[in-house]
Amino acid sequence: MYRSFLSLIIISLLFSSCKKEQDPFEIGKQHIGSLTDSTQIKDLKLIFANDSLTTFISGGEFVVNKNNIDVFEKGGKKLLILTPKQVLDSTATIGSIQVIDPRYKTDKGISTLSTFKDISNTYKISKINNLINSVLIIVNDFNASFVIDKKELPANLRFNMDVKIEATHIPDNAKIKYFFLNWNMH
């Protein structure tokens, strides 16, 4: 009896010690570190307890009403920009996350240090949008949008907003400026 009880305790200790801890820089389709698509704004101080949060509330007649939350390391390095689904609502969830810091990587190794070739070899590109100063590469399977500065493109594509940019137009070594996780789709 004592032996089986001891065995049960040892097995339960083994299972509890094998519990995988969440990598704070891992990005999945519905999470980034401990932050998930169902995390409420009021919980951010707990999740980012070792970091600093700043909020900018815009308004006025010429500005779209956004309530971005910047996440900084204690040393001052910007990590993320979070945009809630609802402005000024502590129970709102995150609508999108702009990834700034290169330590954040997708489960397939993509970060802000990656190139267009890395994206196109890893994910199925759903759409490419030609914007004023950048190209937006949308990956619906991952709810992500990658931004590449037009300075990375050939000169004949940088200034023409009417040209339809295809994947073959973007150099393999074009660097990611930043990328977004879009949780507004849920």
N, C-alpha and C. Protein backbone atom coordinates (compact mmCIF):
# COMPACT_ATOMS: atom_id res chain seq x y z
N MET A 1 0.82 -1.20 0.00
CA MET A 1 0.00 0.00 0.00
C MET A 1 0.86 1.26 0.00
N TYR A 2 1.84 1.26 0.91
CA TYR A 2 2.74 2.42 1.01
C TYR A 2 3.53 2.60 -0.30
N ARG A 3 3.94 1.47 -0.88
CA ARG A 3 4.72 1.50 -2.12
C ARG A 3 3.90 2.06 -3.29
N SER A 4 2.67 1.66 -3.42
CA SER A 4 1.83 2.16 -4.51
C SER A 4 1.51 3.65 -4.32
N PHE A 5 1.33 4.06 -3.07
CA PHE A 5 1.10 5.47 -2.78
C PHE A 5 2.34 6.30 -3.14
N LEU A 6 3.51 5.80 -2.82
CA LEU A 6 4.77 6.48 -3.14
C LEU A 6 4.96 6.56 -4.66
N SER A 7 4.63 5.48 -5.35
CA SER A 7 4.73 5.47 -6.81
C SER A 7 3.81 6.51 -7.43
N LEU A 8 2.61 6.63 -6.90
CA LEU A 8 1.65 7.62 -7.40
C LEU A 8 2.16 9.04 -7.22
N ILE A 9 2.77 9.31 -6.08
CA ILE A 9 3.33 10.64 -5.82
C ILE A 9 4.47 10.94 -6.78
N ILE A 10 5.34 9.97 -7.01
CA ILE A 10 6.48 10.17 -7.93
C ILE A 10 5.99 10.42 -9.35
N ILE A 11 5.02 9.66 -9.79
CA ILE A 11 4.48 9.85 -11.15
C ILE A 11 3.82 11.21 -11.29
N SER A 12 3.06 11.63 -10.29
CA SER A 12 2.41 12.94 -10.38
C SER A 12 3.45 14.06 -10.37
N LEU A 13 4.53 13.91 -9.61
CA LEU A 13 5.61 14.90 -9.62
C LEU A 13 6.29 14.97 -10.98
N LEU A 14 6.49 13.81 -11.60
CA LEU A 14 7.10 13.79 -12.94
C LEU A 14 6.23 14.52 -13.96
N PHE A 15 4.94 14.25 -13.93
CA PHE A 15 4.04 14.92 -14.87
C PHE A 15 3.98 16.41 -14.65
N SER A 16 3.94 16.83 -13.41
CA SER A 16 3.86 18.27 -13.14
C SER A 16 5.17 18.97 -13.47
N SER A 17 6.31 18.30 -13.35
CA SER A 17 7.59 18.93 -13.69
C SER A 17 7.83 18.95 -15.19
N CYS A 18 7.14 18.11 -15.94
CA CYS A 18 7.31 18.06 -17.39
C CYS A 18 6.47 19.10 -18.11
N LYS A 19 5.67 19.84 -17.38
CA LYS A 19 4.80 20.84 -17.98
C LYS A 19 5.65 21.88 -18.72
N LYS A 20 5.36 22.07 -19.99
CA LYS A 20 6.14 22.99 -20.82
C LYS A 20 5.79 24.44 -20.47
N GLU A 21 6.82 25.24 -20.23
CA GLU A 21 6.60 26.65 -19.93
C GLU A 21 6.50 27.43 -21.25
N GLN A 22 5.60 28.38 -21.30
CA GLN A 22 5.37 29.19 -22.50
C GLN A 22 6.57 30.09 -22.79
N ASP A 23 7.08 30.00 -24.01
CA ASP A 23 8.16 30.89 -24.47
C ASP A 23 7.56 32.29 -24.63
N PRO A 24 8.09 33.30 -23.93
CA PRO A 24 7.49 34.64 -24.00
C PRO A 24 7.64 35.31 -25.37
N PHE A 25 8.46 34.74 -26.25
CA PHE A 25 8.68 35.34 -27.57
C PHE A 25 8.14 34.48 -28.71
N GLU A 26 7.42 33.41 -28.39
CA GLU A 26 6.86 32.56 -29.44
C GLU A 26 5.54 33.13 -29.96
N ILE A 27 5.40 33.12 -31.27
CA ILE A 27 4.17 33.61 -31.91
C ILE A 27 3.45 32.45 -32.57
N GLY A 28 2.19 32.27 -32.21
CA GLY A 28 1.33 31.30 -32.86
C GLY A 28 0.18 32.04 -33.52
N LYS A 29 -0.71 31.32 -34.14
CA LYS A 29 -1.83 31.94 -34.84
C LYS A 29 -2.73 32.73 -33.89
N GLN A 30 -2.89 32.24 -32.65
CA GLN A 30 -3.79 32.89 -31.71
C GLN A 30 -3.11 33.24 -30.39
N HIS A 31 -1.77 33.32 -30.41
CA HIS A 31 -1.05 33.76 -29.21
C HIS A 31 0.29 34.38 -29.57
N ILE A 32 0.79 35.18 -28.66
CA ILE A 32 2.15 35.70 -28.73
C ILE A 32 2.65 35.69 -27.29
N GLY A 33 3.56 34.78 -27.00
CA GLY A 33 3.95 34.55 -25.62
C GLY A 33 2.73 34.11 -24.83
N SER A 34 2.48 34.75 -23.69
CA SER A 34 1.32 34.43 -22.85
C SER A 34 0.06 35.18 -23.27
N LEU A 35 0.18 36.10 -24.20
CA LEU A 35 -0.94 36.90 -24.68
C LEU A 35 -1.72 36.09 -25.73
N THR A 36 -3.05 35.99 -25.54
CA THR A 36 -3.87 35.25 -26.50
C THR A 36 -4.92 36.17 -27.11
N ASP A 37 -5.62 35.66 -28.10
CA ASP A 37 -6.66 36.44 -28.75
C ASP A 37 -7.87 36.66 -27.85
N SER A 38 -7.91 36.01 -26.68
CA SER A 38 -9.02 36.23 -25.74
C SER A 38 -8.56 37.00 -24.48
N THR A 39 -7.30 37.44 -24.44
CA THR A 39 -6.81 38.21 -23.30
C THR A 39 -7.50 39.57 -23.27
N GLN A 40 -7.96 39.97 -22.10
CA GLN A 40 -8.60 41.27 -21.95
C GLN A 40 -7.56 42.33 -21.59
N ILE A 41 -7.85 43.57 -21.95
CA ILE A 41 -6.95 44.70 -21.69
C ILE A 41 -6.58 44.78 -20.21
N LYS A 42 -7.54 44.53 -19.34
CA LYS A 42 -7.30 44.64 -17.90
C LYS A 42 -6.25 43.64 -17.41
N ASP A 43 -5.97 42.59 -18.18
CA ASP A 43 -5.00 41.57 -17.77
C ASP A 43 -3.59 41.83 -18.27
N LEU A 44 -3.39 42.87 -19.06
CA LEU A 44 -2.08 43.14 -19.65
C LEU A 44 -1.00 43.43 -18.61
N LYS A 45 -1.37 44.10 -17.52
CA LYS A 45 -0.37 44.43 -16.49
C LYS A 45 0.19 43.17 -15.84
N LEU A 46 -0.62 42.13 -15.74
CA LEU A 46 -0.14 40.86 -15.20
C LEU A 46 0.76 40.14 -16.20
N ILE A 47 0.35 40.12 -17.46
CA ILE A 47 1.11 39.42 -18.49
C ILE A 47 2.46 40.09 -18.72
N PHE A 48 2.47 41.41 -18.73
CA PHE A 48 3.70 42.16 -18.97
C PHE A 48 4.20 42.80 -17.67
N ALA A 49 4.18 42.04 -16.58
CA ALA A 49 4.56 42.56 -15.26
C ALA A 49 6.00 43.08 -15.22
N ASN A 50 6.88 42.49 -16.01
CA ASN A 50 8.28 42.92 -16.02
C ASN A 50 8.58 43.97 -17.07
N ASP A 51 7.57 44.42 -17.78
CA ASP A 51 7.73 45.39 -18.86
C ASP A 51 6.92 46.65 -18.54
N SER A 52 7.03 47.65 -19.40
CA SER A 52 6.28 48.89 -19.23
C SER A 52 5.21 48.99 -20.31
N LEU A 53 4.04 49.46 -19.92
CA LEU A 53 2.94 49.67 -20.86
C LEU A 53 2.64 51.16 -20.93
N THR A 54 2.49 51.67 -22.15
CA THR A 54 2.08 53.06 -22.31
C THR A 54 0.88 53.08 -23.23
N THR A 55 -0.01 53.99 -22.99
CA THR A 55 -1.24 54.10 -23.78
C THR A 55 -1.31 55.47 -24.42
N PHE A 56 -1.65 55.49 -25.70
CA PHE A 56 -1.88 56.74 -26.40
C PHE A 56 -3.32 56.74 -26.85
N ILE A 57 -4.06 57.72 -26.42
CA ILE A 57 -5.46 57.85 -26.82
C ILE A 57 -5.55 59.02 -27.78
N SER A 58 -5.92 58.72 -29.01
CA SER A 58 -6.04 59.81 -29.98
C SER A 58 -7.49 60.22 -30.11
N GLY A 59 -7.69 61.37 -30.65
CA GLY A 59 -9.05 61.87 -30.84
C GLY A 59 -8.99 63.10 -31.71
N GLY A 60 -10.06 63.81 -31.78
CA GLY A 60 -10.10 64.99 -32.63
C GLY A 60 -10.74 64.66 -33.95
N GLU A 61 -11.00 65.70 -34.70
CA GLU A 61 -11.75 65.48 -35.92
C GLU A 61 -10.93 64.93 -37.08
N PHE A 62 -9.57 65.00 -36.99
CA PHE A 62 -8.76 64.54 -38.10
C PHE A 62 -8.05 63.22 -37.82
N VAL A 63 -8.27 62.65 -36.67
CA VAL A 63 -7.56 61.45 -36.27
C VAL A 63 -8.56 60.32 -36.03
N VAL A 64 -8.20 59.12 -36.53
CA VAL A 64 -9.03 57.96 -36.26
C VAL A 64 -8.88 57.62 -34.78
N ASN A 65 -9.96 57.31 -34.13
CA ASN A 65 -9.94 57.06 -32.69
C ASN A 65 -9.35 55.68 -32.41
N LYS A 66 -8.09 55.64 -32.00
CA LYS A 66 -7.37 54.40 -31.66
C LYS A 66 -6.89 54.51 -30.23
N ASN A 67 -6.66 53.40 -29.63
CA ASN A 67 -6.16 53.37 -28.27
C ASN A 67 -5.01 52.37 -28.22
N ASN A 68 -3.90 52.69 -28.88
CA ASN A 68 -2.77 51.78 -28.95
C ASN A 68 -2.08 51.68 -27.60
N ILE A 69 -1.58 50.49 -27.32
CA ILE A 69 -0.83 50.23 -26.10
C ILE A 69 0.56 49.76 -26.53
N ASP A 70 1.58 50.56 -26.18
CA ASP A 70 2.95 50.19 -26.50
C ASP A 70 3.53 49.38 -25.35
N VAL A 71 4.24 48.31 -25.69
CA VAL A 71 4.89 47.48 -24.69
C VAL A 71 6.40 47.68 -24.84
N PHE A 72 7.03 48.13 -23.74
CA PHE A 72 8.48 48.37 -23.71
C PHE A 72 9.11 47.47 -22.66
N GLU A 73 10.34 47.05 -22.92
CA GLU A 73 11.13 46.41 -21.87
C GLU A 73 11.47 47.47 -20.84
N LYS A 74 11.83 47.04 -19.65
CA LYS A 74 12.22 47.99 -18.61
C LYS A 74 13.38 48.87 -19.07
N GLY A 75 14.23 48.37 -19.95
CA GLY A 75 15.36 49.15 -20.46
C GLY A 75 14.96 50.17 -21.51
N GLY A 76 13.72 50.16 -21.96
CA GLY A 76 13.23 51.15 -22.91
C GLY A 76 13.06 50.67 -24.34
N LYS A 77 13.43 49.44 -24.64
CA LYS A 77 13.30 48.92 -26.01
C LYS A 77 11.84 48.54 -26.29
N LYS A 78 11.31 49.07 -27.41
CA LYS A 78 9.92 48.77 -27.78
C LYS A 78 9.81 47.34 -28.28
N LEU A 79 8.82 46.63 -27.75
CA LEU A 79 8.59 45.24 -28.11
C LEU A 79 7.42 45.06 -29.07
N LEU A 80 6.27 45.61 -28.68
CA LEU A 80 5.01 45.39 -29.39
C LEU A 80 4.15 46.64 -29.35
N ILE A 81 3.21 46.73 -30.29
CA ILE A 81 2.15 47.74 -30.23
C ILE A 81 0.83 46.97 -30.32
N LEU A 82 0.02 47.07 -29.27
CA LEU A 82 -1.25 46.37 -29.20
C LEU A 82 -2.40 47.33 -29.51
N THR A 83 -3.35 46.88 -30.30
CA THR A 83 -4.53 47.68 -30.61
C THR A 83 -5.77 46.92 -30.15
N PRO A 84 -6.46 47.43 -29.13
CA PRO A 84 -7.68 46.76 -28.64
C PRO A 84 -8.80 46.81 -29.69
N LYS A 85 -9.72 45.87 -29.59
CA LYS A 85 -10.88 45.86 -30.48
C LYS A 85 -11.83 47.00 -30.16
N GLN A 86 -11.92 47.39 -28.88
CA GLN A 86 -12.78 48.48 -28.45
C GLN A 86 -11.94 49.52 -27.72
N VAL A 87 -12.18 50.77 -28.01
CA VAL A 87 -11.45 51.87 -27.37
C VAL A 87 -11.99 52.10 -25.96
N LEU A 88 -11.09 52.33 -25.02
CA LEU A 88 -11.42 52.68 -23.63
C LEU A 88 -12.32 51.66 -22.94
N ASP A 89 -12.09 50.39 -23.22
CA ASP A 89 -12.87 49.31 -22.61
C ASP A 89 -11.90 48.29 -22.03
N SER A 90 -11.82 48.20 -20.72
CA SER A 90 -10.86 47.30 -20.07
C SER A 90 -11.20 45.83 -20.28
N THR A 91 -12.43 45.53 -20.69
CA THR A 91 -12.79 44.14 -20.94
C THR A 91 -12.64 43.76 -22.41
N ALA A 92 -12.21 44.72 -23.24
CA ALA A 92 -12.01 44.43 -24.66
C ALA A 92 -10.80 43.50 -24.82
N THR A 93 -10.78 42.80 -25.95
CA THR A 93 -9.64 41.95 -26.28
C THR A 93 -8.78 42.66 -27.33
N ILE A 94 -7.64 42.07 -27.64
CA ILE A 94 -6.70 42.66 -28.60
C ILE A 94 -7.17 42.37 -30.02
N GLY A 95 -7.20 43.40 -30.85
CA GLY A 95 -7.59 43.24 -32.25
C GLY A 95 -6.40 42.95 -33.15
N SER A 96 -5.29 43.66 -32.90
CA SER A 96 -4.08 43.41 -33.69
C SER A 96 -2.84 43.73 -32.86
N ILE A 97 -1.74 43.11 -33.26
CA ILE A 97 -0.47 43.30 -32.59
C ILE A 97 0.59 43.58 -33.63
N GLN A 98 1.27 44.71 -33.49
CA GLN A 98 2.40 45.00 -34.36
C GLN A 98 3.66 44.50 -33.65
N VAL A 99 4.39 43.60 -34.30
CA VAL A 99 5.60 43.02 -33.74
C VAL A 99 6.79 43.87 -34.16
N ILE A 100 7.51 44.40 -33.17
CA ILE A 100 8.65 45.27 -33.42
C ILE A 100 9.96 44.53 -33.14
N ASP A 101 10.06 43.89 -31.98
CA ASP A 101 11.30 43.28 -31.51
C ASP A 101 11.59 41.97 -32.26
N PRO A 102 12.82 41.79 -32.76
CA PRO A 102 13.16 40.59 -33.54
C PRO A 102 13.22 39.30 -32.73
N ARG A 103 13.17 39.38 -31.41
CA ARG A 103 13.18 38.14 -30.61
C ARG A 103 11.86 37.39 -30.72
N TYR A 104 10.79 38.10 -31.10
CA TYR A 104 9.51 37.44 -31.31
C TYR A 104 9.58 36.69 -32.63
N LYS A 105 9.32 35.37 -32.57
CA LYS A 105 9.39 34.52 -33.76
C LYS A 105 8.15 33.64 -33.84
N THR A 106 7.72 33.40 -35.07
CA THR A 106 6.61 32.47 -35.27
C THR A 106 7.12 31.07 -34.95
N ASP A 107 6.20 30.14 -34.81
CA ASP A 107 6.60 28.77 -34.53
C ASP A 107 7.41 28.17 -35.68
N LYS A 108 7.47 28.87 -36.81
CA LYS A 108 8.28 28.43 -37.96
C LYS A 108 9.52 29.31 -38.15
N GLY A 109 9.83 30.15 -37.15
CA GLY A 109 11.08 30.90 -37.15
C GLY A 109 11.07 32.25 -37.84
N ILE A 110 9.92 32.76 -38.25
CA ILE A 110 9.85 34.06 -38.93
C ILE A 110 9.84 35.18 -37.89
N SER A 111 10.69 36.19 -38.10
CA SER A 111 10.77 37.36 -37.21
C SER A 111 10.96 38.61 -38.07
N THR A 112 11.15 39.74 -37.41
CA THR A 112 11.40 40.98 -38.17
C THR A 112 12.77 40.96 -38.82
N LEU A 113 13.60 39.97 -38.53
CA LEU A 113 14.90 39.82 -39.20
C LEU A 113 14.81 38.94 -40.44
N SER A 114 13.62 38.41 -40.71
CA SER A 114 13.42 37.53 -41.85
C SER A 114 13.33 38.31 -43.16
N THR A 115 13.38 37.59 -44.26
CA THR A 115 13.28 38.18 -45.59
C THR A 115 12.01 37.69 -46.29
N PHE A 116 11.75 38.29 -47.45
CA PHE A 116 10.59 37.86 -48.23
C PHE A 116 10.70 36.38 -48.59
N LYS A 117 11.89 35.93 -48.92
CA LYS A 117 12.08 34.51 -49.27
C LYS A 117 11.69 33.62 -48.09
N ASP A 118 12.06 34.03 -46.88
CA ASP A 118 11.69 33.26 -45.69
C ASP A 118 10.16 33.13 -45.58
N ILE A 119 9.46 34.25 -45.81
CA ILE A 119 8.00 34.23 -45.73
C ILE A 119 7.41 33.33 -46.81
N SER A 120 7.85 33.55 -48.05
CA SER A 120 7.26 32.80 -49.17
C SER A 120 7.59 31.31 -49.12
N ASN A 121 8.73 30.94 -48.53
CA ASN A 121 9.07 29.53 -48.38
C ASN A 121 8.33 28.88 -47.21
N THR A 122 7.83 29.68 -46.28
CA THR A 122 7.24 29.16 -45.06
C THR A 122 5.71 29.17 -45.09
N TYR A 123 5.13 30.23 -45.65
CA TYR A 123 3.68 30.39 -45.63
C TYR A 123 3.14 30.59 -47.04
N LYS A 124 1.85 30.27 -47.19
CA LYS A 124 1.16 30.54 -48.45
C LYS A 124 0.71 32.00 -48.42
N ILE A 125 1.19 32.80 -49.37
CA ILE A 125 0.83 34.21 -49.45
C ILE A 125 -0.57 34.33 -50.04
N SER A 126 -1.46 34.99 -49.31
CA SER A 126 -2.85 35.13 -49.75
C SER A 126 -3.04 36.32 -50.68
N LYS A 127 -2.32 37.41 -50.39
CA LYS A 127 -2.52 38.63 -51.16
C LYS A 127 -1.33 39.56 -50.94
N ILE A 128 -1.05 40.39 -51.94
CA ILE A 128 -0.01 41.43 -51.83
C ILE A 128 -0.65 42.75 -52.20
N ASN A 129 -0.56 43.72 -51.27
CA ASN A 129 -1.12 45.05 -51.50
C ASN A 129 -0.01 46.06 -51.73
N ASN A 130 -0.20 46.91 -52.73
CA ASN A 130 0.73 47.98 -53.07
C ASN A 130 0.28 49.24 -52.34
N LEU A 131 1.03 49.65 -51.31
CA LEU A 131 0.70 50.84 -50.54
C LEU A 131 1.63 51.99 -50.93
N ILE A 132 1.49 53.14 -50.34
CA ILE A 132 2.27 54.32 -50.73
C ILE A 132 3.77 54.08 -50.54
N ASN A 133 4.19 53.70 -49.34
CA ASN A 133 5.62 53.54 -49.05
C ASN A 133 6.04 52.12 -48.76
N SER A 134 5.10 51.19 -48.86
CA SER A 134 5.42 49.81 -48.50
C SER A 134 4.55 48.83 -49.28
N VAL A 135 4.90 47.58 -49.11
CA VAL A 135 4.14 46.47 -49.69
C VAL A 135 3.65 45.64 -48.51
N LEU A 136 2.38 45.28 -48.54
CA LEU A 136 1.77 44.50 -47.47
C LEU A 136 1.54 43.08 -47.98
N ILE A 137 2.18 42.12 -47.32
CA ILE A 137 2.04 40.71 -47.70
C ILE A 137 1.13 40.05 -46.67
N ILE A 138 -0.01 39.56 -47.13
CA ILE A 138 -1.02 39.00 -46.23
C ILE A 138 -0.96 37.48 -46.27
N VAL A 139 -0.91 36.87 -45.08
CA VAL A 139 -0.90 35.42 -44.93
C VAL A 139 -2.12 35.07 -44.08
N ASN A 140 -3.21 34.69 -44.73
CA ASN A 140 -4.46 34.41 -44.02
C ASN A 140 -4.36 33.19 -43.12
N ASP A 141 -3.57 32.18 -43.52
CA ASP A 141 -3.45 30.96 -42.71
C ASP A 141 -2.88 31.24 -41.33
N PHE A 142 -2.16 32.36 -41.20
CA PHE A 142 -1.52 32.70 -39.93
C PHE A 142 -2.10 33.98 -39.33
N ASN A 143 -3.12 34.57 -39.98
CA ASN A 143 -3.70 35.85 -39.55
C ASN A 143 -2.63 36.93 -39.41
N ALA A 144 -1.70 36.96 -40.36
CA ALA A 144 -0.58 37.90 -40.27
C ALA A 144 -0.45 38.73 -41.54
N SER A 145 0.11 39.93 -41.36
CA SER A 145 0.43 40.82 -42.48
C SER A 145 1.87 41.29 -42.28
N PHE A 146 2.69 41.11 -43.29
CA PHE A 146 4.10 41.48 -43.23
C PHE A 146 4.31 42.73 -44.08
N VAL A 147 5.04 43.71 -43.54
CA VAL A 147 5.28 44.97 -44.23
C VAL A 147 6.73 45.01 -44.70
N ILE A 148 6.89 45.29 -45.99
CA ILE A 148 8.22 45.46 -46.59
C ILE A 148 8.27 46.86 -47.17
N ASP A 149 9.30 47.61 -46.82
CA ASP A 149 9.50 48.97 -47.32
C ASP A 149 9.72 48.92 -48.83
N LYS A 150 9.14 49.86 -49.56
CA LYS A 150 9.29 49.89 -51.01
C LYS A 150 10.74 50.16 -51.43
N LYS A 151 11.57 50.66 -50.52
CA LYS A 151 12.99 50.85 -50.83
C LYS A 151 13.66 49.53 -51.14
N GLU A 152 13.06 48.43 -50.72
CA GLU A 152 13.59 47.08 -50.98
C GLU A 152 13.24 46.58 -52.39
N LEU A 153 12.34 47.29 -53.08
CA LEU A 153 11.89 46.88 -54.42
C LEU A 153 12.74 47.51 -55.51
N PRO A 154 12.69 46.95 -56.72
CA PRO A 154 13.36 47.60 -57.86
C PRO A 154 12.79 49.01 -58.07
N ALA A 155 13.60 49.91 -58.56
CA ALA A 155 13.24 51.33 -58.71
C ALA A 155 11.95 51.53 -59.51
N ASN A 156 11.69 50.73 -60.53
CA ASN A 156 10.50 50.92 -61.37
C ASN A 156 9.19 50.57 -60.65
N LEU A 157 9.25 49.96 -59.46
CA LEU A 157 8.04 49.60 -58.71
C LEU A 157 7.81 50.47 -57.49
N ARG A 158 8.75 51.33 -57.14
CA ARG A 158 8.67 52.08 -55.90
C ARG A 158 7.64 53.20 -55.92
N PHE A 159 7.41 53.82 -57.04
CA PHE A 159 6.60 55.04 -57.07
C PHE A 159 5.28 54.89 -57.80
N ASN A 160 5.01 53.75 -58.39
CA ASN A 160 3.80 53.54 -59.16
C ASN A 160 2.77 52.78 -58.31
N MET A 161 1.76 53.49 -57.84
CA MET A 161 0.71 52.86 -57.02
C MET A 161 -0.26 52.01 -57.84
N ASP A 162 -0.24 52.18 -59.16
CA ASP A 162 -1.18 51.47 -60.01
C ASP A 162 -0.70 50.08 -60.41
N VAL A 163 0.58 49.83 -60.26
CA VAL A 163 1.12 48.53 -60.68
C VAL A 163 0.71 47.47 -59.66
N LYS A 164 0.33 46.31 -60.18
CA LYS A 164 -0.02 45.18 -59.31
C LYS A 164 1.27 44.44 -59.00
N ILE A 165 1.65 44.47 -57.74
CA ILE A 165 2.90 43.82 -57.34
C ILE A 165 2.64 42.34 -57.09
N GLU A 166 3.44 41.53 -57.75
CA GLU A 166 3.36 40.08 -57.61
C GLU A 166 4.54 39.60 -56.77
N ALA A 167 4.45 38.38 -56.30
CA ALA A 167 5.54 37.81 -55.49
C ALA A 167 6.85 37.79 -56.26
N THR A 168 6.78 37.59 -57.57
CA THR A 168 8.01 37.54 -58.39
C THR A 168 8.69 38.91 -58.50
N HIS A 169 7.98 39.99 -58.21
CA HIS A 169 8.56 41.34 -58.25
C HIS A 169 9.38 41.67 -57.01
N ILE A 170 9.14 40.97 -55.93
CA ILE A 170 9.79 41.28 -54.66
C ILE A 170 11.07 40.46 -54.56
N PRO A 171 12.21 41.12 -54.37
CA PRO A 171 13.48 40.38 -54.24
C PRO A 171 13.47 39.44 -53.04
N ASP A 172 14.09 38.29 -53.18
CA ASP A 172 14.15 37.31 -52.10
C ASP A 172 14.74 37.90 -50.82
N ASN A 173 15.72 38.80 -50.98
CA ASN A 173 16.41 39.35 -49.81
C ASN A 173 15.74 40.60 -49.23
N ALA A 174 14.54 40.95 -49.71
CA ALA A 174 13.81 42.10 -49.17
C ALA A 174 13.49 41.83 -47.70
N LYS A 175 13.85 42.78 -46.84
CA LYS A 175 13.70 42.61 -45.39
C LYS A 175 12.31 43.03 -44.92
N ILE A 176 11.86 42.36 -43.88
CA ILE A 176 10.60 42.71 -43.23
C ILE A 176 10.85 43.95 -42.37
N LYS A 177 9.99 44.94 -42.51
CA LYS A 177 10.09 46.14 -41.67
C LYS A 177 9.45 45.85 -40.30
N TYR A 178 8.26 45.28 -40.32
CA TYR A 178 7.56 44.81 -39.14
C TYR A 178 6.40 43.96 -39.63
N PHE A 179 5.70 43.32 -38.70
CA PHE A 179 4.51 42.58 -39.10
C PHE A 179 3.45 42.63 -38.02
N PHE A 180 2.24 42.30 -38.44
CA PHE A 180 1.05 42.35 -37.59
C PHE A 180 0.45 40.98 -37.45
N LEU A 181 -0.10 40.71 -36.27
CA LEU A 181 -1.03 39.61 -36.10
C LEU A 181 -2.41 40.26 -36.08
N ASN A 182 -3.31 39.76 -36.88
CA ASN A 182 -4.65 40.35 -37.01
C ASN A 182 -5.67 39.45 -36.35
N TRP A 183 -6.03 39.78 -35.12
CA TRP A 183 -7.02 38.99 -34.40
C TRP A 183 -8.40 39.56 -34.56
N ASN A 184 -8.58 40.58 -35.41
CA ASN A 184 -9.89 41.15 -35.68
C ASN A 184 -10.76 40.20 -36.48
N MET A 185 -10.16 39.18 -37.07
CA MET A 185 -10.89 38.27 -37.95
C MET A 185 -11.81 37.34 -37.19
N HIS A 186 -11.65 37.24 -35.87
CA HIS A 186 -12.45 36.30 -35.07
C HIS A 186 -13.77 36.93 -34.70
